Protein backbone atom coordinates (compact mmCIF):
# COMPACT_ATOMS: atom_id res chain seq x y z
CA MET A 1 72.17 97.67 109.98
CA GLY A 2 69.98 99.92 107.90
CA ASP A 3 71.90 102.99 109.08
CA ILE A 4 75.26 101.66 107.89
CA ASN A 5 76.14 102.53 104.30
CA LEU A 6 79.65 101.44 103.40
CA ASP A 7 79.33 103.03 99.95
CA LYS A 8 79.65 106.41 101.53
CA PRO A 9 82.20 107.82 104.04
CA LEU A 10 81.36 107.68 107.71
CA TYR A 11 81.66 111.45 108.06
CA ASP A 12 79.67 114.24 106.38
CA GLN A 13 81.65 115.12 103.23
CA SER A 14 79.78 118.41 102.71
CA THR A 15 81.82 119.98 105.57
CA TYR A 16 85.51 120.53 105.90
CA SER A 17 85.60 119.01 109.44
CA GLY A 18 83.81 115.89 108.15
CA ARG A 19 86.30 115.52 105.27
CA ALA A 20 89.24 116.08 107.61
CA LYS A 21 88.06 113.29 109.92
CA HIS A 22 87.56 111.06 106.94
CA PHE A 23 91.04 111.59 105.53
CA LEU A 24 92.74 111.42 108.92
CA ARG A 25 91.52 107.88 109.08
CA LEU A 26 92.11 107.07 105.36
CA THR A 27 95.67 108.37 105.26
CA ASN A 28 96.66 107.13 108.70
CA PRO A 29 100.36 106.06 108.29
CA ILE A 30 99.62 102.91 110.32
CA ASN A 31 97.50 101.67 107.39
CA ALA A 32 100.63 101.61 105.23
CA PHE A 33 102.10 98.86 107.40
CA ALA A 34 99.06 96.57 107.44
CA SER A 35 99.88 92.99 106.39
CA SER A 36 98.39 91.31 103.31
CA ALA A 37 96.38 89.12 105.61
CA ASP A 38 94.91 92.22 107.35
CA LEU A 39 93.98 93.74 104.01
CA GLU A 40 92.37 90.55 102.76
CA GLU A 41 90.38 90.25 106.00
CA ALA A 42 89.18 93.89 105.62
CA LYS A 43 88.17 93.16 102.02
CA ARG A 44 86.30 90.02 103.09
CA VAL A 45 84.43 91.79 105.81
CA VAL A 46 83.40 94.75 103.61
CA THR A 47 82.34 92.47 100.75
CA GLU A 48 80.42 90.18 103.08
CA PHE A 49 78.57 93.07 104.72
CA ARG A 50 77.61 94.64 101.39
CA LYS A 51 76.16 91.35 100.14
CA SER A 52 74.40 90.15 103.28
CA ARG A 53 73.72 93.33 105.22
CA LYS A 54 74.60 91.34 108.31
CA MET A 55 77.28 92.17 110.80
CA PRO A 56 80.23 89.70 110.31
CA ALA A 57 80.96 87.44 113.30
CA GLY A 58 83.17 89.13 115.88
CA TYR A 59 82.52 92.65 114.55
CA ASP A 60 80.59 95.58 115.86
CA VAL A 61 79.89 98.97 114.14
CA ASP A 62 83.23 100.60 115.16
CA LYS A 63 85.28 97.57 114.12
CA LEU A 64 83.37 97.32 110.83
CA TRP A 65 84.18 100.96 109.96
CA SER A 66 87.84 100.42 110.93
CA ALA A 67 87.92 97.53 108.44
CA LYS A 68 86.24 99.73 105.80
CA TYR A 69 88.81 102.48 106.17
CA LEU A 70 91.67 99.98 106.05
CA TYR A 71 90.13 98.51 102.88
CA ASP A 72 89.72 101.98 101.31
CA SER A 73 93.32 102.88 102.09
CA ALA A 74 94.60 99.98 100.03
CA TYR A 75 92.08 99.36 97.24
CA HIS A 76 91.37 101.71 94.38
CA PRO A 77 87.82 103.20 94.56
CA ASP A 78 87.19 102.78 90.81
CA THR A 79 88.95 99.57 89.83
CA GLY A 80 88.80 97.73 93.15
CA GLU A 81 92.37 96.58 92.65
CA LYS A 82 94.88 96.55 95.49
CA MET A 83 97.12 99.58 95.04
CA ILE A 84 100.93 99.35 95.24
CA ALA A 85 101.89 99.96 98.84
CA VAL A 86 104.27 102.88 98.22
CA GLY A 87 101.60 104.63 96.12
CA ARG A 88 98.91 104.70 98.73
CA MET A 89 98.06 107.94 100.46
CA SER A 90 98.71 106.24 103.81
CA ALA A 91 102.39 105.93 102.73
CA GLN A 92 102.71 109.71 102.14
CA ALA A 93 103.82 110.57 105.67
CA PRO A 94 106.63 108.03 106.10
CA MET A 95 107.86 108.33 102.51
CA ASN A 96 107.65 112.14 102.25
CA THR A 97 109.35 112.50 105.69
CA ILE A 98 112.43 110.75 104.38
CA ILE A 99 112.45 112.25 100.86
CA THR A 100 111.61 115.83 101.93
CA GLY A 101 114.08 115.64 104.80
CA CYS A 102 116.84 114.66 102.43
CA MET A 103 115.80 117.32 99.82
CA ILE A 104 116.02 120.17 102.34
CA THR A 105 119.16 118.82 103.96
CA PHE A 106 121.27 118.00 100.86
CA TYR A 107 120.44 121.16 98.88
CA LYS A 108 123.90 122.55 98.22
CA SER A 109 125.35 119.97 95.77
CA THR A 110 124.02 119.91 92.25
CA SER A 111 124.31 116.18 92.06
CA ALA A 112 122.45 115.75 95.38
CA ILE A 113 119.69 118.08 94.21
CA ALA A 114 119.34 116.13 90.92
CA PHE A 115 119.28 112.78 92.76
CA TRP A 116 116.72 113.64 95.37
CA GLN A 117 114.49 115.52 92.95
CA TRP A 118 114.56 112.38 90.76
CA VAL A 119 113.69 110.22 93.79
CA ASN A 120 110.91 112.55 94.79
CA GLN A 121 109.40 112.79 91.31
CA THR A 122 109.63 109.02 90.80
CA PHE A 123 107.75 108.60 94.06
CA ASN A 124 105.19 111.28 93.02
CA ALA A 125 104.69 109.63 89.70
CA VAL A 126 103.87 106.34 91.41
CA VAL A 127 101.48 108.13 93.84
CA ASN A 128 99.81 110.09 90.99
CA TYR A 129 99.29 107.00 88.85
CA THR A 130 98.11 104.89 91.80
CA ASN A 131 95.54 107.51 92.86
CA ARG A 132 94.29 108.38 89.35
CA SER A 133 90.60 108.64 88.54
CA GLY A 134 88.77 106.19 86.42
CA ASP A 135 89.16 102.54 85.56
CA ALA A 136 90.78 102.68 82.09
CA PRO A 137 94.29 101.13 81.87
CA MET A 138 97.17 103.34 80.77
CA PRO A 139 99.41 101.92 77.98
CA THR A 140 102.97 101.18 79.06
CA SER A 141 104.44 103.45 76.37
CA GLN A 142 102.28 106.34 77.51
CA LEU A 143 103.10 105.67 81.15
CA LEU A 144 106.86 105.68 80.40
CA ALA A 145 106.61 108.90 78.36
CA SER A 146 104.64 110.57 81.07
CA TYR A 147 107.16 109.54 83.70
CA CYS A 148 110.10 110.85 81.64
CA ALA A 149 108.36 114.14 81.06
CA ALA A 150 107.44 114.52 84.69
CA CYS A 151 110.91 113.81 85.99
CA GLY A 152 112.61 115.84 83.30
CA GLY A 153 110.42 118.86 84.10
CA ALA A 154 111.08 118.56 87.82
CA LEU A 155 114.84 118.21 87.44
CA SER A 156 115.06 121.12 85.03
CA THR A 157 113.08 123.38 87.36
CA ALA A 158 115.14 122.42 90.45
CA LEU A 159 118.50 122.88 88.77
CA TYR A 160 117.47 126.20 87.17
CA LEU A 161 116.24 127.61 90.49
CA ASN A 162 119.31 126.40 92.30
CA SER A 163 121.60 128.23 89.81
CA LYS A 164 119.72 131.49 90.54
CA VAL A 165 120.05 131.52 94.29
CA LYS A 166 123.70 130.55 94.80
CA ASN A 167 124.70 134.05 95.84
CA MET A 168 121.55 134.87 97.78
CA ASN A 169 120.63 134.51 101.46
CA PRO A 170 120.97 130.81 102.46
CA ILE A 171 117.29 130.68 103.36
CA PHE A 172 116.40 131.14 99.69
CA ALA A 173 118.60 128.17 98.77
CA ARG A 174 116.84 126.10 101.44
CA LEU A 175 113.51 126.98 99.80
CA VAL A 176 114.53 125.82 96.32
CA PRO A 177 113.24 122.24 96.87
CA PHE A 178 109.73 123.59 97.60
CA ALA A 179 109.68 125.87 94.58
CA ALA A 180 110.92 122.98 92.45
CA VAL A 181 108.22 120.65 93.85
CA CYS A 182 105.53 123.25 93.17
CA GLY A 183 106.56 123.59 89.57
CA ALA A 184 106.95 119.83 89.18
CA ASN A 185 103.42 119.20 90.48
CA PHE A 186 101.99 121.14 87.56
CA ILE A 187 103.87 118.78 85.25
CA ASN A 188 103.90 115.44 87.10
CA ILE A 189 100.24 115.11 88.02
CA PRO A 190 98.78 115.96 84.61
CA MET A 191 101.40 113.80 82.83
CA MET A 192 100.85 110.78 85.03
CA ARG A 193 97.13 111.13 84.57
CA SER A 194 97.25 112.03 80.90
CA ALA A 195 94.98 109.14 79.96
CA GLU A 196 92.16 110.91 81.75
CA LEU A 197 92.89 114.15 79.86
CA LEU A 198 92.89 112.28 76.52
CA ASN A 199 90.00 109.93 77.10
CA GLY A 200 88.02 111.50 79.95
CA THR A 201 87.13 110.27 83.39
CA PRO A 202 83.96 108.31 84.22
CA VAL A 203 81.03 110.54 85.39
CA PHE A 204 77.90 109.36 87.16
CA THR A 205 74.47 110.55 88.24
CA ALA A 206 73.77 110.98 91.97
CA ASP A 207 72.25 107.47 91.93
CA GLY A 208 75.47 105.96 90.56
CA ALA A 209 74.45 105.49 86.90
CA ARG A 210 77.42 105.84 84.62
CA VAL A 211 76.65 108.36 81.89
CA GLY A 212 79.98 108.49 80.03
CA GLU A 213 83.56 109.91 80.17
CA SER A 214 84.33 113.58 80.44
CA LYS A 215 87.59 115.40 79.62
CA THR A 216 86.20 118.51 81.32
CA ALA A 217 85.74 116.63 84.54
CA ALA A 218 89.26 115.19 84.23
CA ARG A 219 90.78 118.67 83.86
CA TYR A 220 88.74 119.99 86.72
CA GLY A 221 89.62 117.10 89.04
CA ILE A 222 93.32 117.16 88.21
CA GLY A 223 93.39 120.92 88.82
CA LEU A 224 91.98 120.38 92.32
CA VAL A 225 94.55 117.70 93.07
CA VAL A 226 97.39 119.94 91.94
CA ILE A 227 96.27 122.70 94.35
CA SER A 228 95.95 120.26 97.32
CA ARG A 229 99.34 118.63 96.58
CA VAL A 230 101.16 122.02 96.48
CA LEU A 231 99.61 123.05 99.75
CA MET A 232 100.39 119.58 101.15
CA ALA A 233 104.10 120.16 100.53
CA LEU A 234 104.01 123.78 101.84
CA PRO A 235 104.46 123.24 105.64
CA GLY A 236 107.19 120.62 105.53
CA MET A 237 109.25 122.31 102.83
CA THR A 238 108.97 125.89 104.03
CA VAL A 239 108.35 125.89 107.79
CA THR A 240 111.02 123.29 108.40
CA PRO A 241 113.90 125.05 106.62
CA ILE A 242 112.97 128.40 108.08
CA ILE A 243 112.87 127.07 111.63
CA THR A 244 116.11 125.12 111.04
CA ASN A 245 117.80 128.23 109.63
CA ILE A 246 116.79 130.28 112.68
CA ALA A 247 118.02 127.52 115.02
CA ILE A 248 121.38 127.31 113.25
CA ASN A 249 121.85 131.12 113.33
CA LYS A 250 121.08 131.15 117.07
CA GLY A 251 123.73 128.48 117.63
CA VAL A 252 121.36 125.70 118.81
CA PHE A 253 123.36 123.06 117.04
CA CYS A 254 126.89 124.46 117.62
CA ARG A 255 127.86 121.64 120.02
CA ARG A 256 125.77 118.94 118.30
CA PRO A 257 125.76 119.64 114.52
CA ARG A 258 124.75 116.06 113.78
CA LEU A 259 121.31 116.77 115.30
CA VAL A 260 120.35 119.08 112.44
CA VAL A 261 119.18 116.25 110.20
CA PRO A 262 117.13 114.40 112.85
CA PHE A 263 115.61 117.74 113.90
CA GLN A 264 114.61 118.44 110.31
CA LEU A 265 113.20 114.92 109.87
CA LEU A 266 111.10 115.33 113.05
CA LEU A 267 109.63 118.62 111.85
CA VAL A 268 108.94 117.29 108.36
CA GLY A 269 107.32 114.14 109.82
CA LEU A 270 104.98 116.21 111.96
CA CYS A 271 104.10 118.53 109.06
CA VAL A 272 103.45 115.78 106.52
CA THR A 273 101.43 113.62 108.91
CA PHE A 274 98.85 116.35 109.39
CA ALA A 275 99.20 118.23 106.14
CA THR A 276 98.38 115.18 104.00
CA PRO A 277 94.85 114.55 105.38
CA LEU A 278 94.03 118.23 105.99
CA CYS A 279 94.93 119.16 102.39
CA CYS A 280 93.17 116.14 100.96
CA ALA A 281 90.11 117.42 102.80
CA LEU A 282 90.10 120.79 101.02
CA PHE A 283 87.94 119.29 98.23
CA GLU A 284 85.46 116.41 98.14
CA GLN A 285 86.90 113.31 96.54
CA ARG A 286 83.49 112.70 94.97
CA ALA A 287 83.60 115.95 92.95
CA SER A 288 80.59 117.33 91.08
CA LEU A 289 80.23 119.27 87.86
CA ALA A 290 77.18 121.00 86.32
CA VAL A 291 75.76 119.19 83.30
CA ASP A 292 75.91 122.49 81.42
CA SER A 293 79.68 122.48 81.87
CA LEU A 294 80.22 119.18 80.13
CA GLU A 295 81.37 118.69 76.55
CA ASP A 296 78.63 119.24 73.92
CA GLU A 297 78.15 115.59 73.02
CA LEU A 298 78.09 114.29 76.60
CA ARG A 299 75.87 117.19 77.74
CA THR A 300 73.33 116.36 75.03
CA LYS A 301 73.46 112.67 76.00
CA VAL A 302 72.89 113.37 79.68
CA LYS A 303 70.03 115.80 79.04
CA SER A 304 68.36 113.31 76.72
CA ASN A 305 68.72 110.25 78.94
CA TYR A 306 68.50 111.97 82.31
CA PRO A 307 66.51 115.18 81.84
CA LYS A 308 66.14 115.86 85.58
CA VAL A 309 69.90 115.52 86.28
CA LYS A 310 71.63 118.92 86.81
CA GLU A 311 74.98 117.66 88.14
CA VAL A 312 77.22 114.68 87.50
CA TYR A 313 79.71 113.21 89.94
CA PHE A 314 83.15 111.67 89.61
CA ASN A 315 86.20 110.59 91.58
CA LYS A 316 88.72 113.39 91.26
CA GLY A 317 91.54 111.20 92.59
CA LEU A 318 93.96 112.21 95.34
């Protein structure tokens, strides 16, 4: 039992392969369909083991870690609260398959573009808020303002880009949703996590002692999340329309045009299922920042109270 530490991931987080294995289990789409009873059982097992350091009845090491990953997929790492189901990273594959598939299928009509961009950014807003860093609540008024700004920015970007490619090669029109999503990520994520930018995110020593809140850490963590989210959308929203366009030009769907949509959904599903964990793994979730990079007041506080500490750690979010 001494070798099992549920406070750390099972796999080595200092390597990309270790992080990839970790997120493949954490974002497994099957976790999104776990029942409330399954989640409560996972929480009970993890809590019981942490307190007693004894293997729960009917469990072995593999089953214990499976329960831990199910628990982590549904409960926020900072607050410990159960996250809304649609906002969990395990829901990314099924939700994004449907939304992305519709975005790259219904890209010709202005009303369709506006509707699916709104759906996508509403979903992203829920995901961004659900997977935020820190444990401070966000006022409802600020949450609503952030949501409106995020959706407004995304819709404006999508409609502007669509107006510019109407007379271009059809492949450019098919890529408008990706370009819009990229631009929207730079608006949606910071807006939905604006409380961190305004108040800072909690930072800790390597031993877990909370030393304060840092706006610098918040900006750094959100920047990393923006990069991973853009790359996460890249395969499904670029490879899929390109392959589909090639298939259409070669007459693959001449006799069965109705198969275009299922074909695109299949490609998107495959891309999203693997892109989500592999892009989450680009950066450690428990990010670090040099003490000298912190704000003056917090840097002085850390050096005074923890003179040997050179780095602080924080949850960057997903």
